[in-house]
Amino acid sequence: MDTPLATLRPTPSAEVHTSPSHTILTLRGEIDAASAPDFAAAVTAAEQAARPTTVHAGAVTFMDSSGIALLARLATRTPGRLRLVDPPEVVQFLLSVTRIGDMVEIVAGGDSAT
């Protein structure tokens, strides 16, 4: 019987793309205390761009309170209402429980203009 050597999980990543009018932050993998420094750097870059921001979260597999706190920071420090595209159920639950969901616009991927 073969035994898997490791369980494959998406490598956490946070990529920032900025246009003259908008910033897009794409998240992948587990956003937790271990990956929070990379996520924080991406949030800082989005803040410094000072443009309306959309976060694509469809490839997030897990998020803990450190990730939720960074979303709250982004929502309060970028112009306009933060858009969160395709967040998984665990993220939607945490946003609801913490009421941070009141600070963001949650949209389905098909409804996203960016």
PDB file of N, CA and C in Angstrom:
ATOM      1  N   MET A   1       0.837  -1.169   0.000  1.00  0.00           N
ATOM      2  CA  MET A   1       0.000   0.000   0.000  1.00  0.00           C
ATOM      3  C   MET A   1       0.889   1.240   0.000  1.00  0.00           C
ATOM      4  N   ASP A   2       0.578   2.155  -0.897  1.00  0.00           N
ATOM      5  CA  ASP A   2       1.348   3.397  -0.980  1.00  0.00           C
ATOM      6  C   ASP A   2       0.891   4.371   0.098  1.00  0.00           C
ATOM      7  N   THR A   3       1.858   5.024   0.705  1.00  0.00           N
ATOM      8  CA  THR A   3       1.572   6.055   1.694  1.00  0.00           C
ATOM      9  C   THR A   3       1.985   7.395   1.116  1.00  0.00           C
ATOM     10  N   PRO A   4       1.082   8.377   1.109  1.00  0.00           N
ATOM     11  CA  PRO A   4       1.471   9.686   0.571  1.00  0.00           C
ATOM     12  C   PRO A   4       2.584  10.291   1.413  1.00  0.00           C
ATOM     13  N   LEU A   5       3.539  10.909   0.736  1.00  0.00           N
ATOM     14  CA  LEU A   5       4.646  11.543   1.438  1.00  0.00           C
ATOM     15  C   LEU A   5       4.212  12.839   2.104  1.00  0.00           C
ATOM     16  N   ALA A   6       3.298  13.529   1.496  1.00  0.00           N
ATOM     17  CA  ALA A   6       2.813  14.789   2.057  1.00  0.00           C
ATOM     18  C   ALA A   6       1.467  15.115   1.436  1.00  0.00           C
ATOM     19  N   THR A   7       0.678  15.827   2.158  1.00  0.00           N
ATOM     20  CA  THR A   7      -0.581  16.319   1.624  1.00  0.00           C
ATOM     21  C   THR A   7      -0.293  17.623   0.902  1.00  0.00           C
ATOM     22  N   LEU A   8      -0.686  17.681  -0.352  1.00  0.00           N
ATOM     23  CA  LEU A   8      -0.423  18.887  -1.131  1.00  0.00           C
ATOM     24  C   LEU A   8      -1.452  19.960  -0.809  1.00  0.00           C
ATOM     25  N   ARG A   9      -0.960  21.120  -0.448  1.00  0.00           N
ATOM     26  CA  ARG A   9      -1.811  22.272  -0.173  1.00  0.00           C
ATOM     27  C   ARG A   9      -1.296  23.440  -0.987  1.00  0.00           C
ATOM     28  N   PRO A  10      -2.201  24.316  -1.395  1.00  0.00           N
ATOM     29  CA  PRO A  10      -1.722  25.489  -2.134  1.00  0.00           C
ATOM     30  C   PRO A  10      -0.762  26.304  -1.269  1.00  0.00           C
ATOM     31  N   THR A  11       0.320  26.732  -1.865  1.00  0.00           N
ATOM     32  CA  THR A  11       1.261  27.592  -1.160  1.00  0.00           C
ATOM     33  C   THR A  11       0.589  28.939  -0.934  1.00  0.00           C
ATOM     34  N   PRO A  12       0.596  29.420   0.316  1.00  0.00           N
ATOM     35  CA  PRO A  12      -0.024  30.730   0.553  1.00  0.00           C
ATOM     36  C   PRO A  12       0.666  31.812  -0.266  1.00  0.00           C
ATOM     37  N   SER A  13      -0.133  32.671  -0.854  1.00  0.00           N
ATOM     38  CA  SER A  13       0.448  33.790  -1.590  1.00  0.00           C
ATOM     39  C   SER A  13      -0.528  34.955  -1.602  1.00  0.00           C
ATOM     40  N   ALA A  14       0.037  36.125  -1.771  1.00  0.00           N
ATOM     41  CA  ALA A  14      -0.749  37.352  -1.888  1.00  0.00           C
ATOM     42  C   ALA A  14      -0.080  38.205  -2.954  1.00  0.00           C
ATOM     43  N   GLU A  15      -0.791  38.430  -4.047  1.00  0.00           N
ATOM     44  CA  GLU A  15      -0.249  39.214  -5.160  1.00  0.00           C
ATOM     45  C   GLU A  15      -1.052  40.499  -5.315  1.00  0.00           C
ATOM     46  N   VAL A  16      -0.338  41.596  -5.534  1.00  0.00           N
ATOM     47  CA  VAL A  16      -0.976  42.901  -5.709  1.00  0.00           C
ATOM     48  C   VAL A  16      -0.742  43.380  -7.134  1.00  0.00           C
ATOM     49  N   HIS A  17      -1.822  43.782  -7.795  1.00  0.00           N
ATOM     50  CA  HIS A  17      -1.742  44.375  -9.133  1.00  0.00           C
ATOM     51  C   HIS A  17      -2.473  45.712  -9.078  1.00  0.00           C
ATOM     52  N   THR A  18      -1.809  46.752  -9.538  1.00  0.00           N
ATOM     53  CA  THR A  18      -2.380  48.093  -9.464  1.00  0.00           C
ATOM     54  C   THR A  18      -2.494  48.699 -10.853  1.00  0.00           C
ATOM     55  N   SER A  19      -3.660  49.260 -11.134  1.00  0.00           N
ATOM     56  CA  SER A  19      -3.872  50.027 -12.360  1.00  0.00           C
ATOM     57  C   SER A  19      -4.009  51.491 -11.944  1.00  0.00           C
ATOM     58  N   PRO A  20      -4.134  52.399 -12.898  1.00  0.00           N
ATOM     59  CA  PRO A  20      -4.296  53.806 -12.525  1.00  0.00           C
ATOM     60  C   PRO A  20      -5.545  54.077 -11.672  1.00  0.00           C
ATOM     61  N   SER A  21      -6.541  53.194 -11.753  1.00  0.00           N
ATOM     62  CA  SER A  21      -7.789  53.474 -11.038  1.00  0.00           C
ATOM     63  C   SER A  21      -8.163  52.457  -9.964  1.00  0.00           C
ATOM     64  N   HIS A  22      -7.435  51.335  -9.863  1.00  0.00           N
ATOM     65  CA  HIS A  22      -7.894  50.252  -8.993  1.00  0.00           C
ATOM     66  C   HIS A  22      -6.723  49.374  -8.555  1.00  0.00           C
ATOM     67  N   THR A  23      -6.878  48.737  -7.399  1.00  0.00           N
ATOM     68  CA  THR A  23      -5.904  47.753  -6.922  1.00  0.00           C
ATOM     69  C   THR A  23      -6.608  46.419  -6.763  1.00  0.00           C
ATOM     70  N   ILE A  24      -5.951  45.355  -7.220  1.00  0.00           N
ATOM     71  CA  ILE A  24      -6.475  44.000  -7.061  1.00  0.00           C
ATOM     72  C   ILE A  24      -5.474  43.201  -6.241  1.00  0.00           C
ATOM     73  N   LEU A  25      -5.967  42.591  -5.170  1.00  0.00           N
ATOM     74  CA  LEU A  25      -5.166  41.736  -4.306  1.00  0.00           C
ATOM     75  C   LEU A  25      -5.709  40.323  -4.454  1.00  0.00           C
ATOM     76  N   THR A  26      -4.869  39.387  -4.892  1.00  0.00           N
ATOM     77  CA  THR A  26      -5.287  38.006  -5.082  1.00  0.00           C
ATOM     78  C   THR A  26      -4.640  37.140  -4.012  1.00  0.00           C
ATOM     79  N   LEU A  27      -5.482  36.425  -3.255  1.00  0.00           N
ATOM     80  CA  LEU A  27      -5.008  35.576  -2.163  1.00  0.00           C
ATOM     81  C   LEU A  27      -5.173  34.113  -2.520  1.00  0.00           C
ATOM     82  N   ARG A  28      -4.220  33.290  -2.063  1.00  0.00           N
ATOM     83  CA  ARG A  28      -4.279  31.842  -2.284  1.00  0.00           C
ATOM     84  C   ARG A  28      -3.780  31.118  -1.044  1.00  0.00           C
ATOM     85  N   GLY A  29      -4.355  29.948  -0.798  1.00  0.00           N
ATOM     86  CA  GLY A  29      -3.868  29.084   0.277  1.00  0.00           C
ATOM     87  C   GLY A  29      -4.383  29.488   1.647  1.00  0.00           C
ATOM     88  N   GLU A  30      -3.627  29.084   2.668  1.00  0.00           N
ATOM     89  CA  GLU A  30      -3.994  29.357   4.053  1.00  0.00           C
ATOM     90  C   GLU A  30      -3.450  30.712   4.482  1.00  0.00           C
ATOM     91  N   ILE A  31      -4.337  31.567   4.946  1.00  0.00           N
ATOM     92  CA  ILE A  31      -3.941  32.878   5.464  1.00  0.00           C
ATOM     93  C   ILE A  31      -4.057  32.780   6.985  1.00  0.00           C
ATOM     94  N   ASP A  32      -2.908  32.578   7.618  1.00  0.00           N
ATOM     95  CA  ASP A  32      -2.878  32.402   9.067  1.00  0.00           C
ATOM     96  C   ASP A  32      -1.656  33.114   9.634  1.00  0.00           C
ATOM     97  N   ALA A  33      -1.363  32.858  10.899  1.00  0.00           N
ATOM     98  CA  ALA A  33      -0.242  33.547  11.549  1.00  0.00           C
ATOM     99  C   ALA A  33       1.075  33.307  10.814  1.00  0.00           C
ATOM    100  N   ALA A  34       1.249  32.130  10.237  1.00  0.00           N
ATOM    101  CA  ALA A  34       2.501  31.819   9.532  1.00  0.00           C
ATOM    102  C   ALA A  34       2.641  32.608   8.234  1.00  0.00           C
ATOM    103  N   SER A  35       1.540  32.827   7.532  1.00  0.00           N
ATOM    104  CA  SER A  35       1.606  33.543   6.253  1.00  0.00           C
ATOM    105  C   SER A  35       1.236  35.019   6.389  1.00  0.00           C
ATOM    106  N   ALA A  36       0.837  35.442   7.576  1.00  0.00           N
ATOM    107  CA  ALA A  36       0.399  36.828   7.787  1.00  0.00           C
ATOM    108  C   ALA A  36       1.440  37.870   7.388  1.00  0.00           C
ATOM    109  N   PRO A  37       2.747  37.653   7.618  1.00  0.00           N
ATOM    110  CA  PRO A  37       3.708  38.686   7.199  1.00  0.00           C
ATOM    111  C   PRO A  37       3.668  38.971   5.691  1.00  0.00           C
ATOM    112  N   ASP A  38       3.536  37.936   4.866  1.00  0.00           N
ATOM    113  CA  ASP A  38       3.441  38.148   3.416  1.00  0.00           C
ATOM    114  C   ASP A  38       2.138  38.866   3.063  1.00  0.00           C
ATOM    115  N   PHE A  39       1.052  38.460   3.712  1.00  0.00           N
ATOM    116  CA  PHE A  39      -0.237  39.097   3.486  1.00  0.00           C
ATOM    117  C   PHE A  39      -0.177  40.553   3.942  1.00  0.00           C
ATOM    118  N   ALA A  40       0.465  40.818   5.081  1.00  0.00           N
ATOM    119  CA  ALA A  40       0.592  42.193   5.590  1.00  0.00           C
ATOM    120  C   ALA A  40       1.366  43.070   4.614  1.00  0.00           C
ATOM    121  N   ALA A  41       2.409  42.517   4.005  1.00  0.00           N
ATOM    122  CA  ALA A  41       3.185  43.284   3.021  1.00  0.00           C
ATOM    123  C   ALA A  41       2.313  43.643   1.818  1.00  0.00           C
ATOM    124  N   ALA A  42       1.473  42.706   1.383  1.00  0.00           N
ATOM    125  CA  ALA A  42       0.573  42.977   0.256  1.00  0.00           C
ATOM    126  C   ALA A  42      -0.474  44.024   0.637  1.00  0.00           C
ATOM    127  N   VAL A  43      -0.983  43.948   1.859  1.00  0.00           N
ATOM    128  CA  VAL A  43      -1.957  44.935   2.332  1.00  0.00           C
ATOM    129  C   VAL A  43      -1.318  46.322   2.376  1.00  0.00           C
ATOM    130  N   THR A  44      -0.085  46.395   2.851  1.00  0.00           N
ATOM    131  CA  THR A  44       0.630  47.674   2.892  1.00  0.00           C
ATOM    132  C   THR A  44       0.793  48.247   1.487  1.00  0.00           C
ATOM    133  N   ALA A  45       1.136  47.388   0.528  1.00  0.00           N
ATOM    134  CA  ALA A  45       1.280  47.847  -0.860  1.00  0.00           C
ATOM    135  C   ALA A  45      -0.049  48.378  -1.395  1.00  0.00           C
ATOM    136  N   ALA A  46      -1.144  47.693  -1.074  1.00  0.00           N
ATOM    137  CA  ALA A  46      -2.465  48.153  -1.516  1.00  0.00           C
ATOM    138  C   ALA A  46      -2.827  49.482  -0.854  1.00  0.00           C
ATOM    139  N   GLU A  47      -2.507  49.621   0.421  1.00  0.00           N
ATOM    140  CA  GLU A  47      -2.773  50.887   1.118  1.00  0.00           C
ATOM    141  C   GLU A  47      -1.998  52.032   0.476  1.00  0.00           C
ATOM    142  N   GLN A  48      -0.744  51.791   0.171  1.00  0.00           N
ATOM    143  CA  GLN A  48       0.104  52.833  -0.402  1.00  0.00           C
ATOM    144  C   GLN A  48      -0.346  53.235  -1.801  1.00  0.00           C
ATOM    145  N   ALA A  49      -0.980  52.313  -2.521  1.00  0.00           N
ATOM    146  CA  ALA A  49      -1.497  52.645  -3.852  1.00  0.00           C
ATOM    147  C   ALA A  49      -2.655  53.638  -3.754  1.00  0.00           C
ATOM    148  N   ALA A  50      -3.356  53.630  -2.623  1.00  0.00           N
ATOM    149  CA  ALA A  50      -4.448  54.580  -2.354  1.00  0.00           C
ATOM    150  C   ALA A  50      -5.509  54.594  -3.450  1.00  0.00           C
ATOM    151  N   ARG A  51      -5.931  53.387  -3.856  1.00  0.00           N
ATOM    152  CA  ARG A  51      -6.981  53.246  -4.867  1.00  0.00           C
ATOM    153  C   ARG A  51      -8.062  52.310  -4.325  1.00  0.00           C
ATOM    154  N   PRO A  52      -9.277  52.376  -4.866  1.00  0.00           N
ATOM    155  CA  PRO A  52     -10.274  51.380  -4.494  1.00  0.00           C
ATOM    156  C   PRO A  52      -9.693  49.981  -4.715  1.00  0.00           C
ATOM    157  N   THR A  53     -10.033  49.054  -3.807  1.00  0.00           N
ATOM    158  CA  THR A  53      -9.374  47.749  -3.808  1.00  0.00           C
ATOM    159  C   THR A  53     -10.381  46.614  -3.865  1.00  0.00           C
ATOM    160  N   THR A  54     -10.037  45.596  -4.660  1.00  0.00           N
ATOM    161  CA  THR A  54     -10.788  44.353  -4.739  1.00  0.00           C
ATOM    162  C   THR A  54      -9.867  43.223  -4.311  1.00  0.00           C
ATOM    163  N   VAL A  55     -10.375  42.353  -3.430  1.00  0.00           N
ATOM    164  CA  VAL A  55      -9.615  41.190  -2.975  1.00  0.00           C
ATOM    165  C   VAL A  55     -10.267  39.946  -3.562  1.00  0.00           C
ATOM    166  N   HIS A  56      -9.510  39.200  -4.356  1.00  0.00           N
ATOM    167  CA  HIS A  56      -9.982  37.919  -4.889  1.00  0.00           C
ATOM    168  C   HIS A  56      -9.573  36.832  -3.904  1.00  0.00           C
ATOM    169  N   ALA A  57     -10.574  36.174  -3.298  1.00  0.00           N
ATOM    170  CA  ALA A  57     -10.307  35.216  -2.225  1.00  0.00           C
ATOM    171  C   ALA A  57     -10.801  33.810  -2.541  1.00  0.00           C
ATOM    172  N   GLY A  58     -11.161  33.544  -3.777  1.00  0.00           N
ATOM    173  CA  GLY A  58     -11.703  32.242  -4.141  1.00  0.00           C
ATOM    174  C   GLY A  58     -10.756  31.081  -3.929  1.00  0.00           C
ATOM    175  N   ALA A  59      -9.455  31.333  -3.929  1.00  0.00           N
ATOM    176  CA  ALA A  59      -8.472  30.261  -3.746  1.00  0.00           C
ATOM    177  C   ALA A  59      -7.956  30.177  -2.308  1.00  0.00           C
ATOM    178  N   VAL A  60      -8.595  30.902  -1.389  1.00  0.00           N
ATOM    179  CA  VAL A  60      -8.219  30.815   0.025  1.00  0.00           C
ATOM    180  C   VAL A  60      -8.804  29.527   0.593  1.00  0.00           C
ATOM    181  N   THR A  61      -7.968  28.733   1.264  1.00  0.00           N
ATOM    182  CA  THR A  61      -8.423  27.472   1.842  1.00  0.00           C
ATOM    183  C   THR A  61      -8.692  27.578   3.332  1.00  0.00           C
ATOM    184  N   PHE A  62      -8.138  28.602   3.976  1.00  0.00           N
ATOM    185  CA  PHE A  62      -8.324  28.803   5.415  1.00  0.00           C
ATOM    186  C   PHE A  62      -7.915  30.225   5.748  1.00  0.00           C
ATOM    187  N   MET A  63      -8.578  30.819   6.731  1.00  0.00           N
ATOM    188  CA  MET A  63      -8.162  32.132   7.214  1.00  0.00           C
ATOM    189  C   MET A  63      -8.450  32.191   8.706  1.00  0.00           C
ATOM    190  N   ASP A  64      -7.458  32.633   9.473  1.00  0.00           N
ATOM    191  CA  ASP A  64      -7.668  32.809  10.902  1.00  0.00           C
ATOM    192  C   ASP A  64      -7.819  34.291  11.229  1.00  0.00           C
ATOM    193  N   SER A  65      -7.806  34.606  12.511  1.00  0.00           N
ATOM    194  CA  SER A  65      -8.055  35.984  12.937  1.00  0.00           C
ATOM    195  C   SER A  65      -7.005  36.966  12.437  1.00  0.00           C
ATOM    196  N   SER A  66      -5.783  36.499  12.204  1.00  0.00           N
ATOM    197  CA  SER A  66      -4.763  37.424  11.686  1.00  0.00           C
ATOM    198  C   SER A  66      -5.120  37.878  10.274  1.00  0.00           C
ATOM    199  N   GLY A  67      -5.658  36.993   9.465  1.00  0.00           N
ATOM    200  CA  GLY A  67      -6.099  37.363   8.120  1.00  0.00           C
ATOM    201  C   GLY A  67      -7.317  38.272   8.148  1.00  0.00           C
ATOM    202  N   ILE A  68      -8.259  37.980   9.036  1.00  0.00           N
ATOM    203  CA  ILE A  68      -9.452  38.818   9.168  1.00  0.00           C
ATOM    204  C   ILE A  68      -9.061  40.223   9.614  1.00  0.00           C
ATOM    205  N   ALA A  69      -8.106  40.317  10.548  1.00  0.00           N
ATOM    206  CA  ALA A  69      -7.647  41.633  11.014  1.00  0.00           C
ATOM    207  C   ALA A  69      -7.027  42.432   9.875  1.00  0.00           C
ATOM    208  N   LEU A  70      -6.285  41.759   9.006  1.00  0.00           N
ATOM    209  CA  LEU A  70      -5.674  42.463   7.877  1.00  0.00           C
ATOM    210  C   LEU A  70      -6.726  42.908   6.860  1.00  0.00           C
ATOM    211  N   LEU A  71      -7.782  42.120   6.681  1.00  0.00           N
ATOM    212  CA  LEU A  71      -8.881  42.565   5.812  1.00  0.00           C
ATOM    213  C   LEU A  71      -9.556  43.804   6.403  1.00  0.00           C
ATOM    214  N   ALA A  72      -9.738  43.813   7.725  1.00  0.00           N
ATOM    215  CA  ALA A  72     -10.334  44.987   8.376  1.00  0.00           C
ATOM    216  C   ALA A  72      -9.446  46.212   8.191  1.00  0.00           C
ATOM    217  N   ARG A  73      -8.150  46.013   8.330  1.00  0.00           N
ATOM    218  CA  ARG A  73      -7.206  47.122   8.130  1.00  0.00           C
ATOM    219  C   ARG A  73      -7.316  47.665   6.710  1.00  0.00           C
ATOM    220  N   LEU A  74      -7.365  46.758   5.746  1.00  0.00           N
ATOM    221  CA  LEU A  74      -7.470  47.163   4.345  1.00  0.00           C
ATOM    222  C   LEU A  74      -8.783  47.905   4.091  1.00  0.00           C
ATOM    223  N   ALA A  75      -9.860  47.423   4.693  1.00  0.00           N
ATOM    224  CA  ALA A  75     -11.173  48.053   4.500  1.00  0.00           C
ATOM    225  C   ALA A  75     -11.214  49.475   5.048  1.00  0.00           C
ATOM    226  N   THR A  76     -10.445  49.739   6.090  1.00  0.00           N
ATOM    227  CA  THR A  76     -10.491  51.071   6.705  1.00  0.00           C
ATOM    228  C   THR A  76      -9.439  52.023   6.158  1.00  0.00           C
ATOM    229  N   ARG A  77      -8.471  51.513   5.413  1.00  0.00           N
ATOM    230  CA  ARG A  77      -7.370  52.372   4.965  1.00  0.00           C
ATOM    231  C   ARG A  77      -7.272  52.556   3.457  1.00  0.00           C
ATOM    232  N   THR A  78      -8.213  52.015   2.710  1.00  0.00           N
ATOM    233  CA  THR A  78      -8.218  52.238   1.263  1.00  0.00           C
ATOM    234  C   THR A  78      -9.512  52.966   0.896  1.00  0.00           C
ATOM    235  N   PRO A  79      -9.476  53.775  -0.168  1.00  0.00           N
ATOM    236  CA  PRO A  79     -10.675  54.536  -0.535  1.00  0.00           C
ATOM    237  C   PRO A  79     -11.785  53.626  -1.055  1.00  0.00           C
ATOM    238  N   GLY A  80     -12.998  54.069  -0.865  1.00  0.00           N
ATOM    239  CA  GLY A  80     -14.144  53.301  -1.336  1.00  0.00           C
ATOM    240  C   GLY A  80     -14.400  52.097  -0.447  1.00  0.00           C
ATOM    241  N   ARG A  81     -15.369  51.302  -0.843  1.00  0.00           N
ATOM    242  CA  ARG A  81     -15.724  50.097  -0.087  1.00  0.00           C
ATOM    243  C   ARG A  81     -14.901  48.926  -0.615  1.00  0.00           C
ATOM    244  N   LEU A  82     -14.240  48.226   0.265  1.00  0.00           N
ATOM    245  CA  LEU A  82     -13.451  47.054  -0.110  1.00  0.00           C
ATOM    246  C   LEU A  82     -14.373  45.989  -0.686  1.00  0.00           C
ATOM    247  N   ARG A  83     -13.991  45.443  -1.856  1.00  0.00           N
ATOM    248  CA  ARG A  83     -14.753  44.356  -2.481  1.00  0.00           C
ATOM    249  C   ARG A  83     -14.015  43.056  -2.239  1.00  0.00           C
ATOM    250  N   LEU A  84     -14.738  42.043  -1.772  1.00  0.00           N
ATOM    251  CA  LEU A  84     -14.179  40.725  -1.509  1.00  0.00           C
ATOM    252  C   LEU A  84     -14.887  39.735  -2.424  1.00  0.00           C
ATOM    253  N   VAL A  85     -14.141  39.163  -3.368  1.00  0.00           N
ATOM    254  CA  VAL A  85     -14.712  38.304  -4.401  1.00  0.00           C
ATOM    255  C   VAL A  85     -14.527  36.834  -4.035  1.00  0.00           C
ATOM    256  N   ASP A  86     -15.625  36.099  -4.037  1.00  0.00           N
ATOM    257  CA  ASP A  86     -15.650  34.648  -3.818  1.00  0.00           C
ATOM    258  C   ASP A  86     -14.979  34.175  -2.532  1.00  0.00           C
ATOM    259  N   PRO A  87     -15.218  34.817  -1.395  1.00  0.00           N
ATOM    260  CA  PRO A  87     -14.597  34.295  -0.177  1.00  0.00           C
ATOM    261  C   PRO A  87     -15.208  32.944   0.187  1.00  0.00           C
ATOM    262  N   PRO A  88     -14.396  31.995   0.648  1.00  0.00           N
ATOM    263  CA  PRO A  88     -14.946  30.701   1.053  1.00  0.00           C
ATOM    264  C   PRO A  88     -15.834  30.852   2.293  1.00  0.00           C
ATOM    265  N   GLU A  89     -16.603  29.814   2.580  1.00  0.00           N
ATOM    266  CA  GLU A  89     -17.552  29.873   3.690  1.00  0.00           C
ATOM    267  C   GLU A  89     -16.881  30.205   5.015  1.00  0.00           C
ATOM    268  N   VAL A  90     -15.701  29.647   5.277  1.00  0.00           N
ATOM    269  CA  VAL A  90     -15.025  29.918   6.551  1.00  0.00           C
ATOM    270  C   VAL A  90     -14.722  31.406   6.695  1.00  0.00           C
ATOM    271  N   VAL A  91     -14.341  32.057   5.613  1.00  0.00           N
ATOM    272  CA  VAL A  91     -14.050  33.493   5.661  1.00  0.00           C
ATOM    273  C   VAL A  91     -15.350  34.276   5.842  1.00  0.00           C
ATOM    274  N   GLN A  92     -16.392  33.900   5.125  1.00  0.00           N
ATOM    275  CA  GLN A  92     -17.681  34.584   5.278  1.00  0.00           C
ATOM    276  C   GLN A  92     -18.200  34.456   6.707  1.00  0.00           C
ATOM    277  N   PHE A  93     -18.024  33.272   7.302  1.00  0.00           N
ATOM    278  CA  PHE A  93     -18.452  33.067   8.684  1.00  0.00           C
ATOM    279  C   PHE A  93     -17.701  33.998   9.631  1.00  0.00           C
ATOM    280  N   LEU A  94     -16.383  34.060   9.498  1.00  0.00           N
ATOM    281  CA  LEU A  94     -15.582  34.923  10.369  1.00  0.00           C
ATOM    282  C   LEU A  94     -15.932  36.398  10.173  1.00  0.00           C
ATOM    283  N   LEU A  95     -16.164  36.799   8.938  1.00  0.00           N
ATOM    284  CA  LEU A  95     -16.565  38.183   8.674  1.00  0.00           C
ATOM    285  C   LEU A  95     -17.900  38.500   9.341  1.00  0.00           C
ATOM    286  N   SER A  96     -18.808  37.543   9.323  1.00  0.00           N
ATOM    287  CA  SER A  96     -20.119  37.738   9.936  1.00  0.00           C
ATOM    288  C   SER A  96     -20.013  37.818  11.457  1.00  0.00           C
ATOM    289  N   VAL A  97     -19.299  36.883  12.057  1.00  0.00           N
ATOM    290  CA  VAL A  97     -19.169  36.825  13.515  1.00  0.00           C
ATOM    291  C   VAL A  97     -18.472  38.067  14.059  1.00  0.00           C
ATOM    292  N   THR A  98     -17.468  38.539  13.347  1.00  0.00           N
ATOM    293  CA  THR A  98     -16.702  39.701  13.808  1.00  0.00           C
ATOM    294  C   THR A  98     -17.325  41.025  13.377  1.00  0.00           C
ATOM    295  N   ARG A  99     -18.355  40.958  12.560  1.00  0.00           N
ATOM    296  CA  ARG A  99     -19.045  42.129  11.991  1.00  0.00           C
ATOM    297  C   ARG A  99     -18.165  42.927  11.034  1.00  0.00           C
ATOM    298  N   ILE A 100     -17.033  42.383  10.683  1.00  0.00           N
ATOM    299  CA  ILE A 100     -16.183  43.033   9.686  1.00  0.00           C
ATOM    300  C   ILE A 100     -16.844  42.932   8.318  1.00  0.00           C
ATOM    301  N   GLY A 101     -17.725  41.959   8.166  1.00  0.00           N
ATOM    302  CA  GLY A 101     -18.486  41.832   6.935  1.00  0.00           C
ATOM    303  C   GLY A 101     -19.302  43.074   6.617  1.00  0.00           C
ATOM    304  N   ASP A 102     -19.625  43.864   7.643  1.00  0.00           N
ATOM    305  CA  ASP A 102     -20.352  45.121   7.426  1.00  0.00           C
ATOM    306  C   ASP A 102     -19.482  46.157   6.723  1.00  0.00           C
ATOM    307  N   MET A 103     -18.170  45.948   6.738  1.00  0.00           N
ATOM    308  CA  MET A 103     -17.227  46.917   6.169  1.00  0.00           C
ATOM    309  C   MET A 103     -16.846  46.606   4.725  1.00  0.00           C
ATOM    310  N   VAL A 104     -17.271  45.437   4.217  1.00  0.00           N
ATOM    311  CA  VAL A 104     -16.858  45.014   2.880  1.00  0.00           C
ATOM    312  C   VAL A 104     -18.073  44.656   2.038  1.00  0.00           C
ATOM    313  N   GLU A 105     -17.872  44.685   0.738  1.00  0.00           N
ATOM    314  CA  GLU A 105     -18.888  44.224  -0.206  1.00  0.00           C
ATOM    315  C   GLU A 105     -18.455  42.847  -0.682  1.00  0.00           C
ATOM    316  N   ILE A 106     -19.269  41.841  -0.398  1.00  0.00           N
ATOM    317  CA  ILE A 106     -18.957  40.479  -0.824  1.00  0.00           C
ATOM    318  C   ILE A 106     -19.680  40.223  -2.135  1.00  0.00           C
ATOM    319  N   VAL A 107     -18.919  39.789  -3.150  1.00  0.00           N
ATOM    320  CA  VAL A 107     -19.495  39.545  -4.473  1.00  0.00           C
ATOM    321  C   VAL A 107     -19.076  38.174  -4.985  1.00  0.00           C
ATOM    322  N   ALA A 108     -19.940  37.592  -5.808  1.00  0.00           N
ATOM    323  CA  ALA A 108     -19.610  36.345  -6.489  1.00  0.00           C
ATOM    324  C   ALA A 108     -18.690  36.669  -7.654  1.00  0.00           C
ATOM    325  N   GLY A 109     -17.844  35.740  -8.039  1.00  0.00           N
ATOM    326  CA  GLY A 109     -16.870  35.967  -9.109  1.00  0.00           C
ATOM    327  C   GLY A 109     -17.487  36.439 -10.401  1.00  0.00           C
ATOM    328  N   GLY A 110     -18.652  35.906 -10.747  1.00  0.00           N
ATOM    329  CA  GLY A 110     -19.316  36.310 -11.974  1.00  0.00           C
ATOM    330  C   GLY A 110     -19.842  37.732 -11.933  1.00  0.00           C
ATOM    331  N   ASP A 111     -19.975  38.273 -10.704  1.00  0.00           N
ATOM    332  CA  ASP A 111     -20.481  39.638 -10.537  1.00  0.00           C
ATOM    333  C   ASP A 111     -19.363  40.661 -10.424  1.00  0.00           C
ATOM    334  N   SER A 112     -18.117  40.207 -10.519  1.00  0.00           N
ATOM    335  CA  SER A 112     -16.981  41.110 -10.321  1.00  0.00           C
ATOM    336  C   SER A 112     -16.592  41.771 -11.625  1.00  0.00           C
ATOM    337  N   ALA A 113     -16.506  43.072 -11.599  1.00  0.00           N
ATOM    338  CA  ALA A 113     -16.091  43.814 -12.797  1.00  0.00           C
ATOM    339  C   ALA A 113     -14.584  43.822 -12.938  1.00  0.00           C
ATOM    340  N   THR A 114     -13.857  43.433 -11.879  1.00  0.00           N
ATOM    341  CA  THR A 114     -12.391  43.441 -11.919  1.00  0.00           C
ATOM    342  C   THR A 114     -11.845  42.062 -11.719  1.00  0.00           C
TER     343      THR A 114
END
